[in-house]
N, C-alpha and C. Protein backbone atom coordinates (compact mmCIF):
# COMPACT_ATOMS: atom_id res chain seq x y z
N UNK A 1 -80.32 -127.46 3.30
CA UNK A 1 -80.98 -128.85 3.05
C UNK A 1 -81.00 -128.76 1.51
N UNK A 2 -81.18 -129.95 1.00
CA UNK A 2 -81.43 -130.20 -0.52
C UNK A 2 -82.73 -129.80 -0.87
N UNK A 3 -83.20 -129.89 -2.15
CA UNK A 3 -84.51 -129.54 -2.49
C UNK A 3 -85.17 -130.87 -2.23
N UNK A 4 -84.69 -132.02 -2.50
CA UNK A 4 -85.45 -133.28 -2.01
C UNK A 4 -85.79 -133.50 -0.68
N UNK A 5 -84.98 -133.04 0.46
CA UNK A 5 -85.34 -132.92 1.60
C UNK A 5 -86.15 -131.99 2.28
N UNK A 6 -86.01 -130.68 1.49
CA UNK A 6 -87.29 -129.89 1.57
C UNK A 6 -88.85 -130.29 1.24
N UNK A 7 -88.79 -131.08 -0.01
CA UNK A 7 -89.98 -131.67 -0.48
C UNK A 7 -90.34 -132.67 0.56
N UNK A 8 -89.56 -133.53 1.05
CA UNK A 8 -90.03 -134.36 1.91
C UNK A 8 -90.53 -133.72 3.22
N UNK A 9 -89.88 -132.69 3.75
CA UNK A 9 -90.23 -131.91 5.02
C UNK A 9 -91.76 -131.41 4.70
N UNK A 10 -91.92 -130.89 3.52
CA UNK A 10 -93.30 -130.06 3.07
C UNK A 10 -94.51 -131.22 3.24
N UNK A 11 -93.99 -132.30 2.53
CA UNK A 11 -95.01 -133.27 2.09
C UNK A 11 -95.38 -133.94 3.72
N UNK A 12 -94.37 -134.08 4.60
CA UNK A 12 -94.72 -134.68 5.94
C UNK A 12 -95.58 -133.90 6.83
N UNK A 13 -95.12 -132.58 6.65
CA UNK A 13 -95.66 -131.27 7.23
C UNK A 13 -97.20 -130.89 6.95
N UNK A 14 -97.58 -131.61 6.00
CA UNK A 14 -99.35 -131.21 5.48
C UNK A 14 -100.20 -132.19 6.23
N UNK A 15 -100.85 -131.32 7.21
CA UNK A 15 -101.91 -132.17 8.01
C UNK A 15 -102.81 -133.07 7.26
N UNK A 16 -103.30 -132.58 6.23
CA UNK A 16 -104.20 -133.32 5.24
C UNK A 16 -103.52 -134.54 4.72
N UNK A 17 -102.25 -134.44 4.25
CA UNK A 17 -101.78 -135.73 3.80
C UNK A 17 -101.21 -136.56 4.82
N UNK A 18 -100.54 -136.15 5.70
CA UNK A 18 -100.17 -136.93 7.12
C UNK A 18 -101.54 -137.83 7.68
N UNK A 19 -102.52 -136.99 7.69
CA UNK A 19 -103.71 -137.89 8.40
C UNK A 19 -104.09 -139.02 7.38
N UNK A 20 -103.87 -139.13 6.21
CA UNK A 20 -103.99 -140.20 5.27
C UNK A 20 -103.09 -141.24 5.29
N UNK A 21 -101.64 -140.78 5.31
CA UNK A 21 -100.62 -141.55 5.12
C UNK A 21 -99.76 -141.97 6.21
N UNK A 22 -99.89 -141.02 7.14
CA UNK A 22 -98.89 -140.93 8.28
C UNK A 22 -97.42 -140.78 7.95
N UNK A 23 -96.64 -141.53 8.28
CA UNK A 23 -95.15 -141.57 8.00
C UNK A 23 -94.97 -142.39 6.64
N UNK A 24 -95.75 -142.94 5.96
CA UNK A 24 -95.42 -143.54 4.61
C UNK A 24 -95.34 -142.64 3.38
N UNK A 25 -94.09 -141.84 3.51
CA UNK A 25 -93.81 -140.97 2.49
C UNK A 25 -92.21 -141.49 2.02
N UNK A 26 -92.19 -142.18 0.86
CA UNK A 26 -90.75 -142.43 0.55
C UNK A 26 -90.18 -142.18 -0.51
N UNK A 27 -88.99 -141.89 -0.87
CA UNK A 27 -88.24 -141.48 -1.90
C UNK A 27 -88.48 -142.50 -3.02
N UNK A 28 -88.67 -142.14 -4.32
CA UNK A 28 -88.40 -142.97 -5.57
C UNK A 28 -89.13 -144.32 -5.66
N UNK A 29 -88.90 -145.08 -4.81
CA UNK A 29 -89.84 -146.63 -4.93
C UNK A 29 -90.50 -146.88 -3.71
N UNK A 30 -91.81 -147.51 -3.79
CA UNK A 30 -92.46 -147.66 -2.71
C UNK A 30 -92.26 -149.41 -2.91
N UNK A 31 -91.82 -149.82 -1.88
CA UNK A 31 -91.56 -151.16 -1.86
C UNK A 31 -92.82 -151.94 -1.93
N UNK A 32 -92.79 -153.42 -2.54
CA UNK A 32 -93.87 -154.15 -2.79
C UNK A 32 -94.28 -154.67 -1.49
N UNK A 33 -95.66 -154.87 -1.31
CA UNK A 33 -96.27 -155.03 0.01
C UNK A 33 -96.33 -154.04 1.00
N UNK A 34 -95.78 -152.79 0.74
CA UNK A 34 -96.04 -151.84 1.77
C UNK A 34 -97.30 -151.25 2.01
N UNK A 35 -97.48 -151.08 3.23
CA UNK A 35 -98.84 -150.54 3.74
C UNK A 35 -99.23 -149.51 3.20
N UNK A 36 -100.54 -149.37 2.78
CA UNK A 36 -101.31 -148.22 1.99
C UNK A 36 -102.50 -147.57 2.81
N UNK A 37 -102.61 -146.42 2.52
CA UNK A 37 -101.94 -145.46 1.41
C UNK A 37 -100.72 -145.08 1.76
N UNK A 38 -100.03 -144.64 0.47
CA UNK A 38 -98.73 -144.22 0.81
C UNK A 38 -98.32 -143.17 -0.26
N UNK A 39 -97.12 -142.45 -0.31
CA UNK A 39 -96.93 -141.51 -1.38
C UNK A 39 -95.33 -141.74 -1.59
N UNK A 40 -95.04 -141.88 -2.67
CA UNK A 40 -93.72 -142.00 -3.09
C UNK A 40 -93.29 -140.73 -3.94
N UNK A 41 -91.93 -140.18 -4.00
CA UNK A 41 -91.78 -139.18 -4.86
C UNK A 41 -90.34 -139.20 -5.40
N UNK A 42 -90.11 -138.51 -6.58
CA UNK A 42 -89.06 -138.44 -7.21
C UNK A 42 -88.51 -137.13 -7.80
N UNK A 43 -87.00 -136.90 -7.57
CA UNK A 43 -86.81 -135.73 -7.80
C UNK A 43 -85.69 -135.74 -9.20
N UNK A 44 -85.86 -135.04 -10.35
CA UNK A 44 -85.07 -135.43 -11.27
C UNK A 44 -84.24 -134.29 -11.37
N UNK A 45 -82.70 -134.66 -11.98
CA UNK A 45 -81.73 -133.42 -11.69
C UNK A 45 -82.28 -132.27 -12.45
N UNK A 46 -81.79 -131.18 -11.96
CA UNK A 46 -82.30 -129.76 -12.57
C UNK A 46 -81.78 -129.68 -14.06
N UNK A 47 -82.43 -129.12 -14.73
CA UNK A 47 -82.17 -128.45 -16.36
C UNK A 47 -81.08 -127.17 -16.07
N UNK A 48 -79.98 -127.06 -16.83
CA UNK A 48 -79.57 -125.81 -16.73
C UNK A 48 -80.18 -124.79 -17.29
N UNK A 49 -80.11 -123.39 -16.96
CA UNK A 49 -80.97 -122.25 -17.53
C UNK A 49 -79.88 -121.23 -17.93
N UNK A 50 -80.42 -120.43 -18.71
CA UNK A 50 -79.47 -119.29 -19.13
C UNK A 50 -80.07 -117.87 -18.78
N UNK A 51 -79.39 -117.06 -18.62
CA UNK A 51 -79.86 -115.63 -18.33
C UNK A 51 -79.52 -115.14 -19.64
N UNK A 52 -79.66 -113.62 -19.84
CA UNK A 52 -79.26 -112.90 -20.79
C UNK A 52 -77.72 -113.01 -21.05
N UNK A 53 -76.76 -113.51 -20.22
CA UNK A 53 -75.40 -113.53 -20.57
C UNK A 53 -74.70 -115.00 -20.59
N UNK A 54 -75.75 -115.91 -20.72
CA UNK A 54 -75.44 -117.08 -21.06
C UNK A 54 -75.93 -118.01 -19.85
N UNK A 55 -75.02 -119.18 -19.82
CA UNK A 55 -75.58 -120.31 -18.77
C UNK A 55 -75.49 -119.56 -17.54
N UNK A 56 -76.40 -119.99 -16.54
CA UNK A 56 -76.53 -119.37 -15.05
C UNK A 56 -76.66 -120.66 -14.11
N UNK A 57 -75.80 -120.74 -13.38
CA UNK A 57 -75.73 -122.19 -12.38
C UNK A 57 -76.73 -121.73 -11.22
N UNK A 58 -76.86 -120.50 -11.04
CA UNK A 58 -77.93 -120.19 -9.95
C UNK A 58 -79.25 -120.32 -10.31
N UNK A 59 -79.69 -120.68 -11.58
CA UNK A 59 -80.96 -120.78 -12.04
C UNK A 59 -81.27 -122.39 -11.98
N UNK A 60 -82.28 -122.86 -11.66
CA UNK A 60 -82.52 -124.37 -11.48
C UNK A 60 -84.09 -124.49 -11.90
N UNK A 61 -84.22 -125.58 -12.48
CA UNK A 61 -85.47 -126.12 -13.07
C UNK A 61 -85.85 -127.50 -12.39
N UNK A 62 -86.48 -127.71 -11.40
CA UNK A 62 -86.33 -129.21 -11.00
C UNK A 62 -87.74 -129.72 -11.53
N UNK A 63 -87.81 -131.16 -11.87
CA UNK A 63 -88.86 -131.93 -12.11
C UNK A 63 -89.12 -132.76 -11.00
N UNK A 64 -90.51 -132.73 -10.92
CA UNK A 64 -90.82 -133.49 -9.45
C UNK A 64 -92.05 -134.59 -9.85
N UNK A 65 -91.87 -135.81 -9.41
CA UNK A 65 -93.11 -136.61 -9.81
C UNK A 65 -93.40 -137.25 -8.04
N UNK A 66 -94.78 -136.97 -8.12
CA UNK A 66 -95.16 -137.45 -6.86
C UNK A 66 -96.45 -138.62 -6.94
N UNK A 67 -96.23 -139.86 -6.60
CA UNK A 67 -97.29 -140.93 -6.87
C UNK A 67 -97.93 -140.90 -5.66
N UNK A 68 -99.24 -141.22 -5.58
CA UNK A 68 -100.23 -141.37 -4.50
C UNK A 68 -100.79 -143.04 -4.53
N UNK A 69 -100.42 -143.81 -3.58
CA UNK A 69 -101.00 -145.14 -3.63
C UNK A 69 -102.03 -145.65 -2.67
N UNK A 70 -102.98 -146.23 -3.12
CA UNK A 70 -103.82 -146.73 -2.28
C UNK A 70 -104.66 -148.02 -2.93
N UNK A 71 -105.34 -148.93 -1.85
CA UNK A 71 -105.60 -149.98 -2.41
C UNK A 71 -107.06 -149.84 -3.21
N UNK A 72 -107.82 -148.50 -3.35
CA UNK A 72 -108.86 -148.38 -3.99
C UNK A 72 -109.02 -146.97 -4.49
N UNK A 73 -109.83 -146.75 -5.31
CA UNK A 73 -109.83 -145.45 -5.85
C UNK A 73 -110.52 -144.39 -4.70
């Protein structure tokens, strides 16, 4: 499974979060007029990293943005 798929599975599997947003967990963009509360997430391409021998494709640093949406604070 991909990192993005694992992230979605993790967010969906959290009972506290699921209690608030149910299945309203979407990648990247929350559609206008979507039911709230909801969560959207984005995974940005990993940056390459080096080890002592130079570039190492097995090392990945992912940047993740998680946005929580609600009609009130």
